[in-house]
Amino acid sequence: MNKVLRLLCLILIVLMAINHKAILRSIFPLKYNNLVYKYSKQYNIDSMLVFAVIKAESNFNENAVSKKGAVGLMQITPKTGEYIADLMNDKTYKNEKLFEPEMNIKYGCFYLKRMINQYDGNIELALMAYNAGSTNVNRWIQSLGNDFDVDLIPFSETKNYVKKIKKYYNLYQYIYTDIDK
């Protein structure tokens, strides 16, 4: 029995080594790819960053609802949704529509790009703002300077969020190097 178990483990290791990207692609999928490509292109954001945000925020569950009331794939709160709708002059906005993948990804990409622009292309600061709000990020910049380490911020949820998305972003870039985005 011991030999059989060792042989099975060896076969599994060999298969993983041969086909590790296929395994990673099943864990880090490109769900809703047409919408992600459409809106990441429209708002000039790396699509792999958007996939990383969706993976971290909702694990691609369009019906996800957080404890704080954020909803959908990119976990947008109704308050933020209303803010985005005002900025986009979207008269058709309704909170329930945030559960629709197209609206959620469109609004999420718009808002993420707005945060990226607000922080002069600094993805880390933009992700902090996406998670904790720009008011908090601006406070941290005032007290810590413009180029501070994420470990210095007082919100552990935001620290972990930024680290998780950076890890997912790097993985998406690695796994899908062969994909024309």
N, C-alpha and C. Protein backbone atom coordinates (compact mmCIF):
# COMPACT_ATOMS: atom_id res chain seq x y z
N MET A 1 0.82 -1.20 0.00
CA MET A 1 0.00 0.00 0.00
C MET A 1 0.86 1.26 0.00
N ASN A 2 1.95 1.24 0.76
CA ASN A 2 2.85 2.37 0.82
C ASN A 2 3.46 2.69 -0.55
N LYS A 3 3.82 1.63 -1.29
CA LYS A 3 4.41 1.82 -2.62
C LYS A 3 3.39 2.41 -3.58
N VAL A 4 2.15 1.97 -3.48
CA VAL A 4 1.08 2.48 -4.34
C VAL A 4 0.86 3.97 -4.06
N LEU A 5 0.83 4.34 -2.81
CA LEU A 5 0.64 5.73 -2.43
C LEU A 5 1.79 6.60 -2.93
N ARG A 6 3.00 6.12 -2.79
CA ARG A 6 4.18 6.85 -3.28
C ARG A 6 4.11 7.02 -4.79
N LEU A 7 3.72 5.95 -5.48
CA LEU A 7 3.62 6.00 -6.94
C LEU A 7 2.55 7.00 -7.37
N LEU A 8 1.42 6.99 -6.70
CA LEU A 8 0.36 7.95 -7.01
C LEU A 8 0.81 9.38 -6.76
N CYS A 9 1.52 9.60 -5.69
CA CYS A 9 2.06 10.94 -5.39
C CYS A 9 3.05 11.37 -6.46
N LEU A 10 3.90 10.47 -6.87
CA LEU A 10 4.88 10.78 -7.91
C LEU A 10 4.19 11.11 -9.22
N ILE A 11 3.19 10.34 -9.59
CA ILE A 11 2.43 10.60 -10.82
C ILE A 11 1.76 11.96 -10.74
N LEU A 12 1.16 12.26 -9.60
CA LEU A 12 0.51 13.56 -9.41
C LEU A 12 1.51 14.71 -9.54
N ILE A 13 2.66 14.57 -8.95
CA ILE A 13 3.70 15.61 -9.04
C ILE A 13 4.15 15.80 -10.48
N VAL A 14 4.35 14.72 -11.20
CA VAL A 14 4.76 14.80 -12.61
C VAL A 14 3.68 15.48 -13.44
N LEU A 15 2.43 15.09 -13.23
CA LEU A 15 1.32 15.72 -13.97
C LEU A 15 1.22 17.21 -13.67
N MET A 16 1.39 17.56 -12.42
CA MET A 16 1.34 18.98 -12.05
C MET A 16 2.49 19.75 -12.68
N ALA A 17 3.66 19.15 -12.72
CA ALA A 17 4.82 19.82 -13.32
C ALA A 17 4.60 20.01 -14.81
N ILE A 18 4.03 19.01 -15.45
CA ILE A 18 3.80 19.08 -16.89
C ILE A 18 2.70 20.08 -17.22
N ASN A 19 1.67 20.09 -16.42
CA ASN A 19 0.48 20.86 -16.76
C ASN A 19 0.07 21.84 -15.66
N HIS A 20 1.05 22.48 -15.03
CA HIS A 20 0.74 23.34 -13.89
C HIS A 20 -0.10 24.55 -14.27
N LYS A 21 0.08 25.10 -15.47
CA LYS A 21 -0.72 26.26 -15.86
C LYS A 21 -2.19 25.90 -16.03
N ALA A 22 -2.45 24.70 -16.52
CA ALA A 22 -3.85 24.27 -16.65
C ALA A 22 -4.51 24.17 -15.28
N ILE A 23 -3.76 23.69 -14.32
CA ILE A 23 -4.29 23.59 -12.95
C ILE A 23 -4.52 25.00 -12.39
N LEU A 24 -3.55 25.88 -12.58
CA LEU A 24 -3.70 27.25 -12.10
C LEU A 24 -4.86 27.97 -12.80
N ARG A 25 -5.06 27.68 -14.09
CA ARG A 25 -6.17 28.32 -14.82
C ARG A 25 -7.53 27.89 -14.27
N SER A 26 -7.60 26.70 -13.71
CA SER A 26 -8.88 26.29 -13.12
C SER A 26 -9.12 27.01 -11.78
N ILE A 27 -8.05 27.39 -11.11
CA ILE A 27 -8.17 28.11 -9.84
C ILE A 27 -8.32 29.62 -10.07
N PHE A 28 -7.67 30.12 -11.11
CA PHE A 28 -7.71 31.55 -11.47
C PHE A 28 -8.29 31.68 -12.87
N PRO A 29 -9.61 31.56 -13.00
CA PRO A 29 -10.23 31.56 -14.32
C PRO A 29 -10.38 32.96 -14.91
N LEU A 30 -10.76 33.00 -16.18
CA LEU A 30 -11.06 34.25 -16.86
C LEU A 30 -12.56 34.32 -17.12
N LYS A 31 -13.35 34.21 -16.06
CA LYS A 31 -14.80 34.30 -16.21
C LYS A 31 -15.19 35.72 -16.56
N TYR A 32 -16.29 35.84 -17.28
CA TYR A 32 -16.81 37.14 -17.72
C TYR A 32 -15.77 37.87 -18.57
N ASN A 33 -14.95 37.10 -19.29
CA ASN A 33 -13.82 37.70 -20.00
C ASN A 33 -14.23 38.73 -21.04
N ASN A 34 -15.34 38.52 -21.75
CA ASN A 34 -15.75 39.51 -22.75
C ASN A 34 -16.05 40.86 -22.11
N LEU A 35 -16.71 40.83 -20.97
CA LEU A 35 -17.02 42.07 -20.26
C LEU A 35 -15.76 42.70 -19.66
N VAL A 36 -14.91 41.88 -19.09
CA VAL A 36 -13.67 42.40 -18.50
C VAL A 36 -12.81 43.02 -19.59
N TYR A 37 -12.66 42.35 -20.73
CA TYR A 37 -11.84 42.90 -21.82
C TYR A 37 -12.46 44.19 -22.35
N LYS A 38 -13.78 44.20 -22.51
CA LYS A 38 -14.48 45.38 -23.04
C LYS A 38 -14.23 46.61 -22.15
N TYR A 39 -14.47 46.46 -20.85
CA TYR A 39 -14.39 47.63 -19.97
C TYR A 39 -12.97 47.94 -19.51
N SER A 40 -12.12 46.95 -19.44
CA SER A 40 -10.72 47.26 -19.11
C SER A 40 -10.08 48.02 -20.27
N LYS A 41 -10.48 47.67 -21.49
CA LYS A 41 -9.98 48.41 -22.66
C LYS A 41 -10.57 49.82 -22.68
N GLN A 42 -11.88 49.93 -22.45
CA GLN A 42 -12.54 51.23 -22.46
C GLN A 42 -11.93 52.19 -21.44
N TYR A 43 -11.57 51.67 -20.27
CA TYR A 43 -11.03 52.52 -19.21
C TYR A 43 -9.52 52.41 -19.07
N ASN A 44 -8.90 51.72 -20.01
CA ASN A 44 -7.44 51.62 -20.08
C ASN A 44 -6.82 51.09 -18.77
N ILE A 45 -7.31 49.90 -18.38
CA ILE A 45 -6.79 49.21 -17.20
C ILE A 45 -6.34 47.83 -17.67
N ASP A 46 -5.28 47.31 -17.10
CA ASP A 46 -4.84 45.96 -17.41
C ASP A 46 -5.96 44.98 -17.02
N SER A 47 -6.41 44.19 -17.99
CA SER A 47 -7.49 43.24 -17.73
C SER A 47 -7.12 42.24 -16.64
N MET A 48 -5.84 41.91 -16.53
CA MET A 48 -5.43 40.95 -15.51
C MET A 48 -5.61 41.54 -14.10
N LEU A 49 -5.47 42.86 -13.97
CA LEU A 49 -5.74 43.51 -12.69
C LEU A 49 -7.23 43.41 -12.36
N VAL A 50 -8.08 43.60 -13.36
CA VAL A 50 -9.52 43.50 -13.14
C VAL A 50 -9.90 42.08 -12.73
N PHE A 51 -9.35 41.08 -13.41
CA PHE A 51 -9.62 39.69 -13.01
C PHE A 51 -9.16 39.45 -11.57
N ALA A 52 -8.02 40.01 -11.21
CA ALA A 52 -7.50 39.84 -9.84
C ALA A 52 -8.44 40.48 -8.82
N VAL A 53 -8.97 41.65 -9.14
CA VAL A 53 -9.91 42.32 -8.23
C VAL A 53 -11.18 41.49 -8.09
N ILE A 54 -11.71 41.00 -9.20
CA ILE A 54 -12.93 40.19 -9.14
C ILE A 54 -12.69 38.92 -8.34
N LYS A 55 -11.56 38.27 -8.59
CA LYS A 55 -11.22 37.04 -7.85
C LYS A 55 -11.18 37.32 -6.35
N ALA A 56 -10.53 38.41 -5.96
CA ALA A 56 -10.40 38.75 -4.54
C ALA A 56 -11.72 39.22 -3.93
N GLU A 57 -12.46 40.02 -4.68
CA GLU A 57 -13.68 40.61 -4.14
C GLU A 57 -14.82 39.61 -3.99
N SER A 58 -15.05 38.78 -5.03
CA SER A 58 -16.25 37.93 -5.03
C SER A 58 -16.01 36.50 -5.47
N ASN A 59 -14.78 36.19 -5.86
CA ASN A 59 -14.46 34.88 -6.42
C ASN A 59 -15.42 34.55 -7.58
N PHE A 60 -15.72 35.58 -8.38
CA PHE A 60 -16.56 35.47 -9.57
C PHE A 60 -18.01 35.10 -9.27
N ASN A 61 -18.47 35.42 -8.06
CA ASN A 61 -19.87 35.20 -7.69
C ASN A 61 -20.63 36.50 -7.90
N GLU A 62 -21.43 36.55 -8.96
CA GLU A 62 -22.16 37.78 -9.28
C GLU A 62 -23.21 38.13 -8.23
N ASN A 63 -23.59 37.18 -7.39
CA ASN A 63 -24.59 37.42 -6.35
C ASN A 63 -23.97 37.68 -4.97
N ALA A 64 -22.66 37.87 -4.93
CA ALA A 64 -21.97 38.07 -3.65
C ALA A 64 -22.44 39.36 -2.98
N VAL A 65 -22.60 39.29 -1.66
CA VAL A 65 -22.94 40.46 -0.85
C VAL A 65 -22.03 40.43 0.38
N SER A 66 -21.34 41.54 0.62
CA SER A 66 -20.44 41.61 1.78
C SER A 66 -21.21 42.03 3.03
N LYS A 67 -20.54 41.93 4.17
CA LYS A 67 -21.13 42.37 5.44
C LYS A 67 -21.43 43.87 5.42
N LYS A 68 -20.67 44.60 4.60
CA LYS A 68 -20.84 46.05 4.52
C LYS A 68 -21.81 46.47 3.42
N GLY A 69 -22.43 45.47 2.75
CA GLY A 69 -23.43 45.77 1.74
C GLY A 69 -22.90 45.94 0.33
N ALA A 70 -21.62 45.69 0.12
CA ALA A 70 -21.06 45.74 -1.24
C ALA A 70 -21.58 44.52 -2.00
N VAL A 71 -21.89 44.71 -3.28
CA VAL A 71 -22.54 43.64 -4.04
C VAL A 71 -21.86 43.37 -5.37
N GLY A 72 -22.11 42.17 -5.88
CA GLY A 72 -21.69 41.81 -7.22
C GLY A 72 -20.24 41.41 -7.34
N LEU A 73 -19.83 41.26 -8.57
CA LEU A 73 -18.49 40.76 -8.89
C LEU A 73 -17.37 41.62 -8.33
N MET A 74 -17.50 42.94 -8.46
CA MET A 74 -16.44 43.84 -8.01
C MET A 74 -16.79 44.52 -6.69
N GLN A 75 -17.84 44.01 -6.03
CA GLN A 75 -18.23 44.44 -4.68
C GLN A 75 -18.34 45.96 -4.56
N ILE A 76 -19.35 46.49 -5.20
CA ILE A 76 -19.62 47.93 -5.18
C ILE A 76 -20.78 48.18 -4.22
N THR A 77 -20.60 49.14 -3.32
CA THR A 77 -21.70 49.49 -2.41
C THR A 77 -22.72 50.33 -3.17
N PRO A 78 -23.98 50.28 -2.76
CA PRO A 78 -24.98 51.13 -3.41
C PRO A 78 -24.59 52.62 -3.38
N LYS A 79 -24.01 53.08 -2.28
CA LYS A 79 -23.57 54.49 -2.19
C LYS A 79 -22.53 54.80 -3.27
N THR A 80 -21.55 53.91 -3.43
CA THR A 80 -20.53 54.11 -4.47
C THR A 80 -21.16 53.99 -5.85
N GLY A 81 -22.10 53.07 -6.01
CA GLY A 81 -22.80 52.92 -7.28
C GLY A 81 -23.52 54.20 -7.68
N GLU A 82 -24.19 54.83 -6.71
CA GLU A 82 -24.89 56.10 -6.97
C GLU A 82 -23.89 57.19 -7.33
N TYR A 83 -22.76 57.22 -6.65
CA TYR A 83 -21.70 58.19 -6.93
C TYR A 83 -21.18 58.00 -8.36
N ILE A 84 -20.91 56.76 -8.73
CA ILE A 84 -20.42 56.46 -10.08
C ILE A 84 -21.47 56.84 -11.12
N ALA A 85 -22.73 56.50 -10.85
CA ALA A 85 -23.82 56.83 -11.79
C ALA A 85 -23.89 58.34 -12.01
N ASP A 86 -23.73 59.12 -10.94
CA ASP A 86 -23.72 60.58 -11.08
C ASP A 86 -22.56 61.04 -11.95
N LEU A 87 -21.37 60.50 -11.70
CA LEU A 87 -20.20 60.88 -12.49
C LEU A 87 -20.36 60.50 -13.96
N MET A 88 -21.01 59.36 -14.21
CA MET A 88 -21.20 58.88 -15.58
C MET A 88 -22.47 59.43 -16.21
N ASN A 89 -23.24 60.20 -15.43
CA ASN A 89 -24.52 60.72 -15.88
C ASN A 89 -25.44 59.59 -16.36
N ASP A 90 -25.44 58.50 -15.62
CA ASP A 90 -26.25 57.32 -15.94
C ASP A 90 -27.60 57.44 -15.26
N LYS A 91 -28.60 57.82 -16.03
CA LYS A 91 -29.96 58.01 -15.50
C LYS A 91 -30.70 56.68 -15.31
N THR A 92 -30.14 55.59 -15.82
CA THR A 92 -30.80 54.28 -15.71
C THR A 92 -30.39 53.52 -14.46
N TYR A 93 -29.50 54.09 -13.66
CA TYR A 93 -28.95 53.38 -12.50
C TYR A 93 -30.02 53.03 -11.48
N LYS A 94 -29.95 51.79 -11.01
CA LYS A 94 -30.73 51.31 -9.86
C LYS A 94 -29.80 50.40 -9.08
N ASN A 95 -29.88 50.43 -7.75
CA ASN A 95 -29.00 49.62 -6.91
C ASN A 95 -29.02 48.14 -7.30
N GLU A 96 -30.20 47.62 -7.64
CA GLU A 96 -30.32 46.19 -7.99
C GLU A 96 -29.47 45.83 -9.20
N LYS A 97 -29.24 46.80 -10.08
CA LYS A 97 -28.48 46.53 -11.30
C LYS A 97 -27.01 46.23 -11.02
N LEU A 98 -26.56 46.53 -9.80
CA LEU A 98 -25.17 46.22 -9.44
C LEU A 98 -24.91 44.72 -9.41
N PHE A 99 -25.97 43.93 -9.34
CA PHE A 99 -25.81 42.47 -9.40
C PHE A 99 -25.60 41.98 -10.83
N GLU A 100 -25.93 42.81 -11.80
CA GLU A 100 -25.75 42.43 -13.21
C GLU A 100 -24.27 42.52 -13.55
N PRO A 101 -23.69 41.43 -14.06
CA PRO A 101 -22.25 41.45 -14.35
C PRO A 101 -21.81 42.63 -15.21
N GLU A 102 -22.57 42.95 -16.25
CA GLU A 102 -22.13 44.04 -17.13
C GLU A 102 -22.04 45.36 -16.39
N MET A 103 -23.08 45.72 -15.67
CA MET A 103 -23.04 47.00 -14.95
C MET A 103 -21.97 46.98 -13.87
N ASN A 104 -21.86 45.89 -13.15
CA ASN A 104 -20.90 45.82 -12.05
C ASN A 104 -19.47 45.95 -12.57
N ILE A 105 -19.16 45.26 -13.64
CA ILE A 105 -17.80 45.34 -14.19
C ILE A 105 -17.55 46.72 -14.80
N LYS A 106 -18.54 47.26 -15.49
CA LYS A 106 -18.40 48.61 -16.06
C LYS A 106 -18.14 49.63 -14.95
N TYR A 107 -18.97 49.62 -13.91
CA TYR A 107 -18.82 50.56 -12.81
C TYR A 107 -17.53 50.30 -12.04
N GLY A 108 -17.20 49.04 -11.83
CA GLY A 108 -15.97 48.70 -11.12
C GLY A 108 -14.74 49.17 -11.86
N CYS A 109 -14.71 48.97 -13.18
CA CYS A 109 -13.56 49.43 -13.97
C CYS A 109 -13.48 50.95 -13.98
N PHE A 110 -14.62 51.61 -14.13
CA PHE A 110 -14.65 53.07 -14.11
C PHE A 110 -14.08 53.60 -12.79
N TYR A 111 -14.55 53.02 -11.69
CA TYR A 111 -14.12 53.48 -10.37
C TYR A 111 -12.65 53.16 -10.10
N LEU A 112 -12.23 51.97 -10.49
CA LEU A 112 -10.82 51.59 -10.31
C LEU A 112 -9.92 52.53 -11.10
N LYS A 113 -10.31 52.84 -12.34
CA LYS A 113 -9.51 53.77 -13.16
C LYS A 113 -9.48 55.16 -12.52
N ARG A 114 -10.60 55.57 -11.97
CA ARG A 114 -10.65 56.87 -11.28
C ARG A 114 -9.67 56.90 -10.11
N MET A 115 -9.60 55.81 -9.35
CA MET A 115 -8.66 55.72 -8.23
C MET A 115 -7.21 55.69 -8.74
N ILE A 116 -6.97 54.96 -9.82
CA ILE A 116 -5.62 54.92 -10.41
C ILE A 116 -5.20 56.32 -10.84
N ASN A 117 -6.10 57.05 -11.49
CA ASN A 117 -5.78 58.42 -11.92
C ASN A 117 -5.58 59.34 -10.72
N GLN A 118 -6.43 59.19 -9.72
CA GLN A 118 -6.34 60.05 -8.53
C GLN A 118 -4.99 59.91 -7.84
N TYR A 119 -4.42 58.71 -7.91
CA TYR A 119 -3.13 58.45 -7.24
C TYR A 119 -2.00 58.29 -8.25
N ASP A 120 -2.11 59.04 -9.35
CA ASP A 120 -1.04 59.17 -10.35
C ASP A 120 -0.48 57.82 -10.82
N GLY A 121 -1.37 56.86 -11.05
CA GLY A 121 -0.95 55.57 -11.58
C GLY A 121 -0.44 54.60 -10.54
N ASN A 122 -0.44 54.98 -9.27
CA ASN A 122 0.03 54.09 -8.21
C ASN A 122 -1.06 53.06 -7.90
N ILE A 123 -0.86 51.84 -8.41
CA ILE A 123 -1.85 50.77 -8.28
C ILE A 123 -2.11 50.43 -6.81
N GLU A 124 -1.06 50.39 -6.02
CA GLU A 124 -1.22 50.05 -4.60
C GLU A 124 -2.13 51.05 -3.88
N LEU A 125 -1.89 52.34 -4.09
CA LEU A 125 -2.74 53.36 -3.47
C LEU A 125 -4.16 53.28 -4.01
N ALA A 126 -4.29 53.03 -5.31
CA ALA A 126 -5.62 52.90 -5.92
C ALA A 126 -6.39 51.74 -5.32
N LEU A 127 -5.72 50.62 -5.10
CA LEU A 127 -6.37 49.46 -4.48
C LEU A 127 -6.76 49.75 -3.03
N MET A 128 -5.90 50.48 -2.32
CA MET A 128 -6.25 50.87 -0.95
C MET A 128 -7.52 51.71 -0.97
N ALA A 129 -7.59 52.66 -1.90
CA ALA A 129 -8.76 53.53 -1.99
C ALA A 129 -10.00 52.75 -2.42
N TYR A 130 -9.84 51.80 -3.31
CA TYR A 130 -10.97 50.97 -3.75
C TYR A 130 -11.55 50.22 -2.55
N ASN A 131 -10.70 49.81 -1.64
CA ASN A 131 -11.12 49.03 -0.48
C ASN A 131 -11.53 49.90 0.71
N ALA A 132 -10.74 50.90 1.04
CA ALA A 132 -10.95 51.65 2.28
C ALA A 132 -11.46 53.07 2.06
N GLY A 133 -11.53 53.50 0.80
CA GLY A 133 -11.97 54.86 0.50
C GLY A 133 -10.81 55.82 0.37
N SER A 134 -10.97 56.79 -0.51
CA SER A 134 -9.88 57.73 -0.76
C SER A 134 -9.65 58.67 0.42
N THR A 135 -10.67 58.93 1.24
CA THR A 135 -10.47 59.77 2.42
C THR A 135 -9.44 59.15 3.35
N ASN A 136 -9.54 57.86 3.59
CA ASN A 136 -8.56 57.17 4.44
C ASN A 136 -7.18 57.18 3.80
N VAL A 137 -7.12 56.90 2.51
CA VAL A 137 -5.82 56.88 1.82
C VAL A 137 -5.17 58.25 1.88
N ASN A 138 -5.95 59.30 1.66
CA ASN A 138 -5.39 60.66 1.72
C ASN A 138 -4.86 60.97 3.12
N ARG A 139 -5.53 60.48 4.14
CA ARG A 139 -5.07 60.65 5.52
C ARG A 139 -3.73 59.93 5.72
N TRP A 140 -3.63 58.71 5.19
CA TRP A 140 -2.39 57.94 5.33
C TRP A 140 -1.25 58.61 4.59
N ILE A 141 -1.54 59.16 3.42
CA ILE A 141 -0.50 59.87 2.66
C ILE A 141 -0.02 61.08 3.45
N GLN A 142 -0.95 61.81 4.07
CA GLN A 142 -0.57 62.98 4.88
C GLN A 142 0.34 62.59 6.03
N SER A 143 0.04 61.49 6.68
CA SER A 143 0.84 61.12 7.86
C SER A 143 2.07 60.28 7.52
N LEU A 144 2.03 59.54 6.42
CA LEU A 144 3.14 58.62 6.11
C LEU A 144 3.96 59.01 4.88
N GLY A 145 3.47 59.99 4.12
CA GLY A 145 4.15 60.35 2.88
C GLY A 145 3.54 59.61 1.70
N ASN A 146 3.97 59.98 0.51
CA ASN A 146 3.37 59.46 -0.72
C ASN A 146 3.77 58.03 -1.05
N ASP A 147 4.94 57.62 -0.61
CA ASP A 147 5.48 56.31 -1.01
C ASP A 147 5.69 55.44 0.22
N PHE A 148 4.60 55.08 0.89
CA PHE A 148 4.72 54.31 2.12
C PHE A 148 4.43 52.84 1.87
N ASP A 149 4.90 52.02 2.78
CA ASP A 149 4.70 50.57 2.70
C ASP A 149 3.29 50.23 3.19
N VAL A 150 2.63 49.34 2.49
CA VAL A 150 1.27 48.94 2.84
C VAL A 150 1.18 48.42 4.27
N ASP A 151 2.25 47.86 4.79
CA ASP A 151 2.25 47.33 6.15
C ASP A 151 2.11 48.43 7.21
N LEU A 152 2.30 49.68 6.83
CA LEU A 152 2.22 50.78 7.79
C LEU A 152 0.80 51.29 8.00
N ILE A 153 -0.15 50.90 7.15
CA ILE A 153 -1.50 51.42 7.31
C ILE A 153 -2.21 50.71 8.47
N PRO A 154 -3.13 51.43 9.13
CA PRO A 154 -3.76 50.87 10.33
C PRO A 154 -4.90 49.88 10.08
N PHE A 155 -5.36 49.73 8.84
CA PHE A 155 -6.47 48.83 8.55
C PHE A 155 -5.94 47.48 8.09
N SER A 156 -6.04 46.47 8.92
CA SER A 156 -5.51 45.15 8.55
C SER A 156 -6.28 44.57 7.36
N GLU A 157 -7.59 44.83 7.27
CA GLU A 157 -8.36 44.34 6.13
C GLU A 157 -7.80 44.89 4.82
N THR A 158 -7.48 46.16 4.80
CA THR A 158 -6.96 46.79 3.59
C THR A 158 -5.55 46.30 3.28
N LYS A 159 -4.73 46.14 4.31
CA LYS A 159 -3.38 45.55 4.10
C LYS A 159 -3.49 44.21 3.40
N ASN A 160 -4.32 43.33 3.96
CA ASN A 160 -4.49 41.99 3.41
C ASN A 160 -5.10 42.02 2.01
N TYR A 161 -6.03 42.94 1.80
CA TYR A 161 -6.68 43.11 0.51
C TYR A 161 -5.66 43.46 -0.57
N VAL A 162 -4.85 44.46 -0.30
CA VAL A 162 -3.85 44.90 -1.29
C VAL A 162 -2.85 43.78 -1.57
N LYS A 163 -2.39 43.13 -0.54
CA LYS A 163 -1.44 42.03 -0.73
C LYS A 163 -2.05 40.90 -1.55
N LYS A 164 -3.31 40.57 -1.25
CA LYS A 164 -3.99 39.50 -1.97
C LYS A 164 -4.14 39.85 -3.45
N ILE A 165 -4.57 41.07 -3.74
CA ILE A 165 -4.76 41.45 -5.14
C ILE A 165 -3.43 41.50 -5.87
N LYS A 166 -2.40 42.01 -5.24
CA LYS A 166 -1.08 42.02 -5.89
C LYS A 166 -0.63 40.60 -6.21
N LYS A 167 -0.86 39.68 -5.28
CA LYS A 167 -0.50 38.27 -5.51
C LYS A 167 -1.33 37.70 -6.66
N TYR A 168 -2.64 37.93 -6.64
CA TYR A 168 -3.51 37.44 -7.71
C TYR A 168 -3.14 38.07 -9.05
N TYR A 169 -2.84 39.35 -9.04
CA TYR A 169 -2.46 40.06 -10.27
C TYR A 169 -1.20 39.43 -10.87
N ASN A 170 -0.20 39.20 -10.04
CA ASN A 170 1.03 38.55 -10.52
C ASN A 170 0.74 37.16 -11.06
N LEU A 171 -0.11 36.41 -10.38
CA LEU A 171 -0.47 35.07 -10.85
C LEU A 171 -1.22 35.13 -12.17
N TYR A 172 -2.18 36.03 -12.30
CA TYR A 172 -2.90 36.16 -13.57
C TYR A 172 -1.95 36.52 -14.71
N GLN A 173 -1.02 37.43 -14.45
CA GLN A 173 -0.05 37.79 -15.49
C GLN A 173 0.81 36.60 -15.88
N TYR A 174 1.21 35.81 -14.91
CA TYR A 174 2.04 34.62 -15.17
C TYR A 174 1.25 33.54 -15.91
N ILE A 175 0.06 33.24 -15.43
CA ILE A 175 -0.74 32.15 -15.98
C ILE A 175 -1.17 32.43 -17.42
N TYR A 176 -1.49 33.68 -17.70
CA TYR A 176 -2.07 34.03 -19.00
C TYR A 176 -1.12 34.87 -19.85
N THR A 177 0.17 34.57 -19.78
CA THR A 177 1.14 35.30 -20.61
C THR A 177 0.86 35.10 -22.09
N ASP A 178 0.23 34.00 -22.45
CA ASP A 178 -0.02 33.68 -23.85
C ASP A 178 -1.34 34.23 -24.38
N ILE A 179 -2.10 34.91 -23.55
CA ILE A 179 -3.42 35.41 -23.94
C ILE A 179 -3.28 36.83 -24.48
N ASP A 180 -3.92 37.07 -25.63
CA ASP A 180 -3.97 38.42 -26.19
C ASP A 180 -5.10 39.16 -25.50
N LYS A 181 -4.75 40.11 -24.66
CA LYS A 181 -5.74 40.81 -23.85
C LYS A 181 -6.30 41.97 -24.62
